[in-house]
Amino acid sequence: MKLFIIIFGLLSVSIILLSINIIVKKDGKFPNGHVGGNKEMQKRGVKCIQSQDRDERKNL
């Protein structure tokens, strides 16, 4: 039982610390981790593989 309480406490603290960034920001959204949403990748012409595949299938 003591181990369960320790694990539950560590898990709770971890979730709270991970959510602080989302709670504190004005828009409160998760960051976009996809290639298509990354501005630097867009500047370099790198696209999401799903988007590339869809575009290639349209061109057939």
Protein backbone atom coordinates (compact mmCIF):
# COMPACT_ATOMS: atom_id res chain seq x y z
CA MET A 1 0.00 0.00 0.00
CA LYS A 2 2.88 2.34 0.81
CA LEU A 3 4.38 1.75 -2.65
CA PHE A 4 1.03 2.58 -4.29
CA ILE A 5 0.84 5.90 -2.44
CA ILE A 6 4.41 6.80 -3.46
CA ILE A 7 3.77 5.92 -7.12
CA PHE A 8 0.46 7.81 -7.12
CA GLY A 9 2.13 10.86 -5.58
CA LEU A 10 4.99 10.85 -8.12
CA LEU A 11 2.54 10.41 -10.99
CA SER A 12 0.36 13.27 -9.72
CA VAL A 13 3.34 15.61 -9.37
CA SER A 14 4.54 14.69 -12.87
CA ILE A 15 1.16 15.41 -14.44
CA ILE A 16 0.88 18.74 -12.62
CA LEU A 17 4.38 19.82 -13.67
CA LEU A 18 3.75 18.84 -17.29
CA SER A 19 0.46 20.76 -17.39
CA ILE A 20 1.80 24.00 -15.88
CA ASN A 21 3.04 25.21 -19.28
CA ILE A 22 -0.40 24.66 -20.82
CA ILE A 23 -2.31 26.23 -17.92
CA VAL A 24 -0.10 29.35 -17.71
CA LYS A 25 -0.13 30.22 -21.43
CA LYS A 26 -2.83 32.52 -22.76
CA ASP A 27 -4.06 30.23 -25.56
CA GLY A 28 -3.48 27.11 -23.46
CA LYS A 29 -2.94 24.68 -26.34
CA PHE A 30 -0.62 21.75 -26.70
CA PRO A 31 2.32 22.51 -28.99
CA ASN A 32 1.98 21.21 -32.54
CA GLY A 33 4.54 18.43 -32.89
CA HIS A 34 3.73 17.51 -36.48
CA VAL A 35 6.09 18.30 -39.35
CA GLY A 36 3.33 20.14 -41.20
CA GLY A 37 2.85 22.55 -38.28
CA ASN A 38 6.53 23.42 -37.90
CA LYS A 39 7.39 26.78 -39.52
CA GLU A 40 11.07 25.95 -39.97
CA MET A 41 10.23 22.74 -41.80
CA GLN A 42 7.79 24.62 -44.03
CA LYS A 43 10.54 27.13 -44.91
CA ARG A 44 12.76 24.24 -45.97
CA GLY A 45 10.00 22.63 -48.03
CA VAL A 46 9.68 19.55 -45.82
CA LYS A 47 6.15 18.17 -45.67
CA CYS A 48 4.38 15.53 -43.64
CA ILE A 49 4.66 12.12 -45.28
CA GLN A 50 0.88 11.76 -45.28
CA SER A 51 0.52 15.07 -47.14
CA GLN A 52 3.23 14.10 -49.61
CA ASP A 53 1.55 10.75 -50.25
CA ARG A 54 -1.85 12.40 -50.76
CA ASP A 55 -0.35 14.93 -53.20
CA GLU A 56 1.42 12.19 -55.15
CA ARG A 57 -1.77 10.14 -55.42
CA LYS A 58 -3.64 13.17 -56.79
CA ASN A 59 -0.99 13.66 -59.46
CA LEU A 60 -1.36 10.09 -60.80
